[in-house]
């Protein structure tokens, strides 16, 4: 009897596929609605199990605190300015110069920050056209944002975490378990035919399969709802 494929098992939800709440007990990276020229102080820097970048606890003059991802060279006691142009400052991307490095960018105005939040990552401000700013993402693709979207200036701290080799499989196991990542991963073509649509030893030279739009969760593997297939004609 075949068992549920991994997409079904994760979608159902169980203790095996669940992130520890403690790992995300603090919800960092949120940029609250602050006034221009507000000054913040870095109260504390600490690491979070659920994130690759360290977290900075910031406090306003009124005594309110919130959390943001730390940038490189940030230290406790440093003053951060809203609308400034130095590393760690929070500003609208429309006010920044071309070539400025930013991270934790808002997708929409005042949503708190959605893009580029992993350790060591950053994006580069590009050309401005009207109320849109083109930003070069870490994937080397450009994406347009509204000029009023905010971002944190600088490079996210925590770079180099992938440079040190993981010498033991046990260490990798706990790293993945901490964030509820699937590891080790078994290739679908190495499974039995009863356990996965790609399974069996026959047909190793597989072609890309396209799942139908109304396919059941157990058959939704391969290319899901592609807009087009095949080579692009120039």
C-alpha atoms as a PDB file:
ATOM      1  CA  UNK A   1       0.000   0.000   0.000  1.00  0.00           C
ATOM      2  CA  UNK A   2       1.393   3.361  -0.986  1.00  0.00           C
ATOM      3  CA  UNK A   3       1.866   6.174   1.478  1.00  0.00           C
ATOM      4  CA  UNK A   4       1.049   9.846   1.147  1.00  0.00           C
ATOM      5  CA  UNK A   5       3.620  11.855  -0.799  1.00  0.00           C
ATOM      6  CA  UNK A   6       5.496  14.538   1.109  1.00  0.00           C
ATOM      7  CA  UNK A   7       3.292  17.422  -0.143  1.00  0.00           C
ATOM      8  CA  UNK A   8       0.225  15.683   1.283  1.00  0.00           C
ATOM      9  CA  UNK A   9       1.903  14.859   4.586  1.00  0.00           C
ATOM     10  CA  UNK A  10       3.105  18.425   5.136  1.00  0.00           C
ATOM     11  CA  UNK A  11      -0.224  19.928   4.093  1.00  0.00           C
ATOM     12  CA  UNK A  12      -2.140  17.751   6.543  1.00  0.00           C
ATOM     13  CA  UNK A  13      -0.043  19.076   9.435  1.00  0.00           C
ATOM     14  CA  UNK A  14       1.525  16.990  12.177  1.00  0.00           C
ATOM     15  CA  UNK A  15       4.191  17.166  14.867  1.00  0.00           C
ATOM     16  CA  UNK A  16       6.754  16.079  12.267  1.00  0.00           C
ATOM     17  CA  UNK A  17       6.049  19.057  10.023  1.00  0.00           C
ATOM     18  CA  UNK A  18       5.625  21.916  12.448  1.00  0.00           C
ATOM     19  CA  UNK A  19       7.914  24.795  13.388  1.00  0.00           C
ATOM     20  CA  UNK A  20       8.614  25.240  17.087  1.00  0.00           C
ATOM     21  CA  UNK A  21       6.728  28.315  18.279  1.00  0.00           C
ATOM     22  CA  UNK A  22       9.726  29.238  20.410  1.00  0.00           C
ATOM     23  CA  UNK A  23      11.812  29.725  17.267  1.00  0.00           C
ATOM     24  CA  UNK A  24       9.466  32.539  16.186  1.00  0.00           C
ATOM     25  CA  UNK A  25       8.428  33.753  19.635  1.00  0.00           C
ATOM     26  CA  UNK A  26       9.649  37.240  18.662  1.00  0.00           C
ATOM     27  CA  UNK A  27       8.289  38.641  15.409  1.00  0.00           C
ATOM     28  CA  UNK A  28      11.182  40.748  14.136  1.00  0.00           C
ATOM     29  CA  UNK A  29      11.707  42.790  11.026  1.00  0.00           C
ATOM     30  CA  UNK A  30       8.568  44.842  11.478  1.00  0.00           C
ATOM     31  CA  UNK A  31       8.898  48.530  10.632  1.00  0.00           C
ATOM     32  CA  UNK A  32       6.179  50.370  12.587  1.00  0.00           C
ATOM     33  CA  UNK A  33       4.573  53.643  11.511  1.00  0.00           C
ATOM     34  CA  UNK A  34       7.290  56.092  12.574  1.00  0.00           C
ATOM     35  CA  UNK A  35       7.542  59.812  11.971  1.00  0.00           C
ATOM     36  CA  UNK A  36      10.234  61.339   9.786  1.00  0.00           C
ATOM     37  CA  UNK A  37      13.413  62.288  11.715  1.00  0.00           C
ATOM     38  CA  UNK A  38      12.459  60.067  14.682  1.00  0.00           C
ATOM     39  CA  UNK A  39      15.513  58.771  16.535  1.00  0.00           C
ATOM     40  CA  UNK A  40      15.819  55.180  17.749  1.00  0.00           C
ATOM     41  CA  UNK A  41      18.346  53.523  20.014  1.00  0.00           C
ATOM     42  CA  UNK A  42      19.679  49.977  19.672  1.00  0.00           C
ATOM     43  CA  UNK A  43      18.944  48.412  23.056  1.00  0.00           C
ATOM     44  CA  UNK A  44      20.051  44.831  22.441  1.00  0.00           C
ATOM     45  CA  UNK A  45      21.389  42.511  19.727  1.00  0.00           C
ATOM     46  CA  UNK A  46      20.547  38.810  19.867  1.00  0.00           C
ATOM     47  CA  UNK A  47      20.193  35.754  17.633  1.00  0.00           C
ATOM     48  CA  UNK A  48      16.894  34.106  16.744  1.00  0.00           C
ATOM     49  CA  UNK A  49      16.534  30.375  16.093  1.00  0.00           C
ATOM     50  CA  UNK A  50      14.054  30.960  13.284  1.00  0.00           C
ATOM     51  CA  UNK A  51      16.152  33.498  11.349  1.00  0.00           C
ATOM     52  CA  UNK A  52      19.607  33.598   9.808  1.00  0.00           C
ATOM     53  CA  UNK A  53      20.180  37.304  10.511  1.00  0.00           C
ATOM     54  CA  UNK A  54      20.633  38.609  14.090  1.00  0.00           C
ATOM     55  CA  UNK A  55      17.854  40.703  15.621  1.00  0.00           C
ATOM     56  CA  UNK A  56      18.124  44.269  16.933  1.00  0.00           C
ATOM     57  CA  UNK A  57      15.794  45.516  19.653  1.00  0.00           C
ATOM     58  CA  UNK A  58      15.082  49.217  19.039  1.00  0.00           C
ATOM     59  CA  UNK A  59      13.540  51.792  21.379  1.00  0.00           C
ATOM     60  CA  UNK A  60      11.941  55.146  20.524  1.00  0.00           C
ATOM     61  CA  UNK A  61      12.166  58.321  22.628  1.00  0.00           C
ATOM     62  CA  UNK A  62       8.664  57.590  23.948  1.00  0.00           C
ATOM     63  CA  UNK A  63       9.890  54.243  25.298  1.00  0.00           C
ATOM     64  CA  UNK A  64       8.155  51.996  22.728  1.00  0.00           C
ATOM     65  CA  UNK A  65      10.188  48.999  21.536  1.00  0.00           C
ATOM     66  CA  UNK A  66      10.115  46.933  18.365  1.00  0.00           C
ATOM     67  CA  UNK A  67      12.412  44.512  16.527  1.00  0.00           C
ATOM     68  CA  UNK A  68      14.253  44.789  13.238  1.00  0.00           C
ATOM     69  CA  UNK A  69      16.966  42.798  11.499  1.00  0.00           C
ATOM     70  CA  UNK A  70      20.457  44.021  12.314  1.00  0.00           C
ATOM     71  CA  UNK A  71      22.782  45.368   9.655  1.00  0.00           C
ATOM     72  CA  UNK A  72      26.540  44.960   9.435  1.00  0.00           C
ATOM     73  CA  UNK A  73      28.516  47.055  11.995  1.00  0.00           C
ATOM     74  CA  UNK A  74      25.451  47.735  14.153  1.00  0.00           C
ATOM     75  CA  UNK A  75      26.165  47.869  17.886  1.00  0.00           C
ATOM     76  CA  UNK A  76      24.246  48.359  21.127  1.00  0.00           C
ATOM     77  CA  UNK A  77      23.724  52.000  21.997  1.00  0.00           C
ATOM     78  CA  UNK A  78      23.892  53.211  18.393  1.00  0.00           C
ATOM     79  CA  UNK A  79      21.370  55.875  17.349  1.00  0.00           C
ATOM     80  CA  UNK A  80      19.269  55.123  14.288  1.00  0.00           C
ATOM     81  CA  UNK A  81      17.384  57.803  12.386  1.00  0.00           C
ATOM     82  CA  UNK A  82      14.150  57.498  10.427  1.00  0.00           C
ATOM     83  CA  UNK A  83      14.748  59.117   7.056  1.00  0.00           C
ATOM     84  CA  UNK A  84      18.540  59.038   7.441  1.00  0.00           C
ATOM     85  CA  UNK A  85      21.115  57.821   4.925  1.00  0.00           C
ATOM     86  CA  UNK A  86      23.522  55.805   7.084  1.00  0.00           C
ATOM     87  CA  UNK A  87      23.727  52.056   7.701  1.00  0.00           C
ATOM     88  CA  UNK A  88      20.899  50.868   9.933  1.00  0.00           C
ATOM     89  CA  UNK A  89      18.646  53.862   9.220  1.00  0.00           C
ATOM     90  CA  UNK A  90      15.080  53.370   8.016  1.00  0.00           C
ATOM     91  CA  UNK A  91      14.073  55.395   4.952  1.00  0.00           C
ATOM     92  CA  UNK A  92      11.762  55.475   1.953  1.00  0.00           C
ATOM     93  CA  UNK A  93      13.429  53.956  -1.077  1.00  0.00           C
ATOM     94  CA  UNK A  94      12.416  56.953  -3.182  1.00  0.00           C
ATOM     95  CA  UNK A  95      14.646  59.195  -1.042  1.00  0.00           C
ATOM     96  CA  UNK A  96      17.774  57.052  -1.468  1.00  0.00           C
ATOM     97  CA  UNK A  97      20.503  57.504  -4.068  1.00  0.00           C
ATOM     98  CA  UNK A  98      21.186  55.093  -6.904  1.00  0.00           C
ATOM     99  CA  UNK A  99      23.536  52.317  -5.816  1.00  0.00           C
ATOM    100  CA  UNK A 100      22.481  52.391  -2.146  1.00  0.00           C
ATOM    101  CA  UNK A 101      22.310  48.963  -0.484  1.00  0.00           C
ATOM    102  CA  UNK A 102      19.090  48.086   1.359  1.00  0.00           C
ATOM    103  CA  UNK A 103      17.349  45.092   2.938  1.00  0.00           C
ATOM    104  CA  UNK A 104      14.019  44.274   4.625  1.00  0.00           C
ATOM    105  CA  UNK A 105      12.076  46.107   1.888  1.00  0.00           C
ATOM    106  CA  UNK A 106       8.332  46.654   2.120  1.00  0.00           C
ATOM    107  CA  UNK A 107       6.187  45.102  -0.592  1.00  0.00           C
ATOM    108  CA  UNK A 108       3.421  47.663  -0.020  1.00  0.00           C
ATOM    109  CA  UNK A 109       3.416  50.868   1.984  1.00  0.00           C
ATOM    110  CA  UNK A 110       3.618  50.308   5.751  1.00  0.00           C
ATOM    111  CA  UNK A 111       3.396  46.481   5.599  1.00  0.00           C
ATOM    112  CA  UNK A 112       6.472  46.241   7.848  1.00  0.00           C
ATOM    113  CA  UNK A 113       8.970  44.680   5.416  1.00  0.00           C
ATOM    114  CA  UNK A 114       8.732  41.511   3.327  1.00  0.00           C
ATOM    115  CA  UNK A 115      11.742  41.180   1.003  1.00  0.00           C
ATOM    116  CA  UNK A 116      15.445  40.357   1.632  1.00  0.00           C
ATOM    117  CA  UNK A 117      15.609  39.422   5.302  1.00  0.00           C
ATOM    118  CA  UNK A 118      18.199  36.610   5.339  1.00  0.00           C
ATOM    119  CA  UNK A 119      21.703  37.065   6.740  1.00  0.00           C
ATOM    120  CA  UNK A 120      24.233  38.722   4.429  1.00  0.00           C
ATOM    121  CA  UNK A 121      21.691  39.650   1.746  1.00  0.00           C
ATOM    122  CA  UNK A 122      21.006  43.063   0.235  1.00  0.00           C
ATOM    123  CA  UNK A 123      19.473  44.772  -2.791  1.00  0.00           C
ATOM    124  CA  UNK A 124      20.695  47.780  -4.792  1.00  0.00           C
ATOM    125  CA  UNK A 125      18.606  50.871  -5.549  1.00  0.00           C
ATOM    126  CA  UNK A 126      18.292  51.535  -9.281  1.00  0.00           C
ATOM    127  CA  UNK A 127      16.549  54.042 -11.534  1.00  0.00           C
ATOM    128  CA  UNK A 128      13.460  56.003 -10.507  1.00  0.00           C
ATOM    129  CA  UNK A 129      10.597  56.548 -12.934  1.00  0.00           C
ATOM    130  CA  UNK A 130       7.530  58.382 -11.682  1.00  0.00           C
ATOM    131  CA  UNK A 131       6.387  56.808  -8.439  1.00  0.00           C
ATOM    132  CA  UNK A 132       8.295  53.568  -9.098  1.00  0.00           C
ATOM    133  CA  UNK A 133      11.832  52.546  -8.159  1.00  0.00           C
ATOM    134  CA  UNK A 134      13.595  49.620  -9.818  1.00  0.00           C
ATOM    135  CA  UNK A 135      15.683  47.574  -7.386  1.00  0.00           C
ATOM    136  CA  UNK A 136      18.291  44.961  -8.271  1.00  0.00           C
ATOM    137  CA  UNK A 137      17.478  41.917  -6.131  1.00  0.00           C
ATOM    138  CA  UNK A 138      20.017  39.302  -4.919  1.00  0.00           C
ATOM    139  CA  UNK A 139      18.774  37.032  -7.733  1.00  0.00           C
ATOM    140  CA  UNK A 140      20.152  39.642 -10.199  1.00  0.00           C
ATOM    141  CA  UNK A 141      16.618  40.356 -11.384  1.00  0.00           C
ATOM    142  CA  UNK A 142      15.072  43.810 -11.124  1.00  0.00           C
ATOM    143  CA  UNK A 143      11.798  44.441  -9.324  1.00  0.00           C
ATOM    144  CA  UNK A 144       9.772  47.649  -9.140  1.00  0.00           C
ATOM    145  CA  UNK A 145       8.580  49.116  -5.834  1.00  0.00           C
ATOM    146  CA  UNK A 146       6.582  52.174  -4.864  1.00  0.00           C
ATOM    147  CA  UNK A 147       8.736  55.155  -3.865  1.00  0.00           C
ATOM    148  CA  UNK A 148       6.955  55.355  -0.476  1.00  0.00           C
ATOM    149  CA  UNK A 149       7.932  51.782   0.506  1.00  0.00           C
ATOM    150  CA  UNK A 150      10.450  51.769   3.339  1.00  0.00           C
ATOM    151  CA  UNK A 151      13.630  49.733   3.770  1.00  0.00           C
ATOM    152  CA  UNK A 152      16.581  49.385   6.121  1.00  0.00           C
ATOM    153  CA  UNK A 153      19.834  50.789   4.752  1.00  0.00           C
ATOM    154  CA  UNK A 154      22.924  48.584   4.614  1.00  0.00           C
ATOM    155  CA  UNK A 155      23.662  44.855   4.379  1.00  0.00           C
ATOM    156  CA  UNK A 156      21.883  42.357   6.637  1.00  0.00           C
ATOM    157  CA  UNK A 157      24.248  40.966   9.272  1.00  0.00           C
ATOM    158  CA  UNK A 158      24.980  37.247   9.530  1.00  0.00           C
ATOM    159  CA  UNK A 159      26.952  36.807   6.315  1.00  0.00           C
ATOM    160  CA  UNK A 160      29.383  33.885   6.053  1.00  0.00           C
ATOM    161  CA  UNK A 161      27.153  31.372   7.813  1.00  0.00           C
ATOM    162  CA  UNK A 162      27.424  29.075   4.776  1.00  0.00           C
ATOM    163  CA  UNK A 163      31.212  29.432   4.438  1.00  0.00           C
ATOM    164  CA  UNK A 164      32.055  27.086   7.304  1.00  0.00           C
ATOM    165  CA  UNK A 165      31.568  23.450   6.233  1.00  0.00           C
ATOM    166  CA  UNK A 166      29.054  21.271   8.059  1.00  0.00           C
ATOM    167  CA  UNK A 167      31.275  18.321   8.902  1.00  0.00           C
ATOM    168  CA  UNK A 168      28.687  15.990  10.425  1.00  0.00           C
ATOM    169  CA  UNK A 169      25.261  14.961   9.185  1.00  0.00           C
ATOM    170  CA  UNK A 170      23.981  15.267  12.753  1.00  0.00           C
ATOM    171  CA  UNK A 171      24.685  19.010  12.760  1.00  0.00           C
ATOM    172  CA  UNK A 172      22.767  19.459   9.510  1.00  0.00           C
ATOM    173  CA  UNK A 173      19.904  17.455  11.003  1.00  0.00           C
ATOM    174  CA  UNK A 174      19.496  19.857  13.943  1.00  0.00           C
ATOM    175  CA  UNK A 175      19.893  22.937  11.741  1.00  0.00           C
ATOM    176  CA  UNK A 176      17.043  21.781   9.507  1.00  0.00           C
ATOM    177  CA  UNK A 177      14.917  20.621  12.425  1.00  0.00           C
ATOM    178  CA  UNK A 178      15.184  24.017  14.075  1.00  0.00           C
ATOM    179  CA  UNK A 179      13.292  25.593  11.158  1.00  0.00           C
ATOM    180  CA  UNK A 180      11.161  22.534  10.330  1.00  0.00           C
ATOM    181  CA  UNK A 181      12.855  22.026   6.963  1.00  0.00           C
ATOM    182  CA  UNK A 182      12.555  18.703   5.168  1.00  0.00           C
ATOM    183  CA  UNK A 183      15.904  16.880   5.401  1.00  0.00           C
ATOM    184  CA  UNK A 184      17.262  14.531   4.174  1.00  0.00           C
ATOM    185  CA  UNK A 185      15.367  14.767   0.929  1.00  0.00           C
ATOM    186  CA  UNK A 186      14.782  11.689  -1.195  1.00  0.00           C
ATOM    187  CA  UNK A 187      14.676  12.156  -4.957  1.00  0.00           C
ATOM    188  CA  UNK A 188      11.255  11.320  -6.396  1.00  0.00           C
ATOM    189  CA  UNK A 189      12.646   9.164  -9.234  1.00  0.00           C
ATOM    190  CA  UNK A 190      14.429   6.975  -6.661  1.00  0.00           C
ATOM    191  CA  UNK A 191      11.124   6.061  -4.972  1.00  0.00           C
ATOM    192  CA  UNK A 192       8.863   3.158  -5.834  1.00  0.00           C
ATOM    193  CA  UNK A 193       6.097   3.765  -8.339  1.00  0.00           C
ATOM    194  CA  UNK A 194       3.468   3.363  -5.617  1.00  0.00           C
ATOM    195  CA  UNK A 195       4.996   6.112  -3.455  1.00  0.00           C
ATOM    196  CA  UNK A 196       5.299   8.919  -5.986  1.00  0.00           C
ATOM    197  CA  UNK A 197       4.106   9.775  -9.529  1.00  0.00           C
ATOM    198  CA  UNK A 198       7.767  10.027 -10.606  1.00  0.00           C
ATOM    199  CA  UNK A 199       8.730   6.714  -8.960  1.00  0.00           C
ATOM    200  CA  UNK A 200      10.007   3.396 -10.423  1.00  0.00           C
ATOM    201  CA  UNK A 201      13.304   2.450 -11.988  1.00  0.00           C
ATOM    202  CA  UNK A 202      11.929   2.685 -15.504  1.00  0.00           C
ATOM    203  CA  UNK A 203      12.219   5.834 -17.535  1.00  0.00           C
ATOM    204  CA  UNK A 204      15.145   7.489 -15.824  1.00  0.00           C
ATOM    205  CA  UNK A 205      15.398   9.955 -18.699  1.00  0.00           C
ATOM    206  CA  UNK A 206      12.272  11.668 -17.515  1.00  0.00           C
ATOM    207  CA  UNK A 207      10.599  14.556 -19.256  1.00  0.00           C
ATOM    208  CA  UNK A 208       9.030  17.412 -17.337  1.00  0.00           C
ATOM    209  CA  UNK A 209       5.501  16.523 -16.289  1.00  0.00           C
ATOM    210  CA  UNK A 210       2.688  19.050 -16.180  1.00  0.00           C
ATOM    211  CA  UNK A 211       0.055  18.607 -13.505  1.00  0.00           C
ATOM    212  CA  UNK A 212      -3.517  19.437 -14.499  1.00  0.00           C
ATOM    213  CA  UNK A 213      -5.143  22.461 -12.903  1.00  0.00           C
ATOM    214  CA  UNK A 214      -7.752  20.330 -11.173  1.00  0.00           C
ATOM    215  CA  UNK A 215      -5.311  17.581 -10.141  1.00  0.00           C
ATOM    216  CA  UNK A 216      -5.583  16.157  -6.645  1.00  0.00           C
ATOM    217  CA  UNK A 217      -2.871  17.091  -4.067  1.00  0.00           C
ATOM    218  CA  UNK A 218      -1.229  13.691  -4.547  1.00  0.00           C
ATOM    219  CA  UNK A 219      -0.726  14.354  -8.271  1.00  0.00           C
ATOM    220  CA  UNK A 220       0.358  17.978  -8.052  1.00  0.00           C
ATOM    221  CA  UNK A 221       4.050  17.399  -8.739  1.00  0.00           C
ATOM    222  CA  UNK A 222       6.374  18.621 -11.448  1.00  0.00           C
ATOM    223  CA  UNK A 223       5.384  21.794 -13.282  1.00  0.00           C
ATOM    224  CA  UNK A 224       2.331  23.313 -11.580  1.00  0.00           C
ATOM    225  CA  UNK A 225       0.140  25.541 -13.734  1.00  0.00           C
ATOM    226  CA  UNK A 226       2.930  26.812 -15.999  1.00  0.00           C
ATOM    227  CA  UNK A 227       2.082  29.780 -18.195  1.00  0.00           C
ATOM    228  CA  UNK A 228       4.011  28.204 -21.043  1.00  0.00           C
ATOM    229  CA  UNK A 229       6.336  25.264 -21.721  1.00  0.00           C
ATOM    230  CA  UNK A 230       9.168  24.527 -24.133  1.00  0.00           C
ATOM    231  CA  UNK A 231      12.052  26.617 -25.343  1.00  0.00           C
ATOM    232  CA  UNK A 232      11.544  30.315 -25.826  1.00  0.00           C
ATOM    233  CA  UNK A 233      11.585  31.441 -29.439  1.00  0.00           C
ATOM    234  CA  UNK A 234      13.707  34.532 -29.944  1.00  0.00           C
END
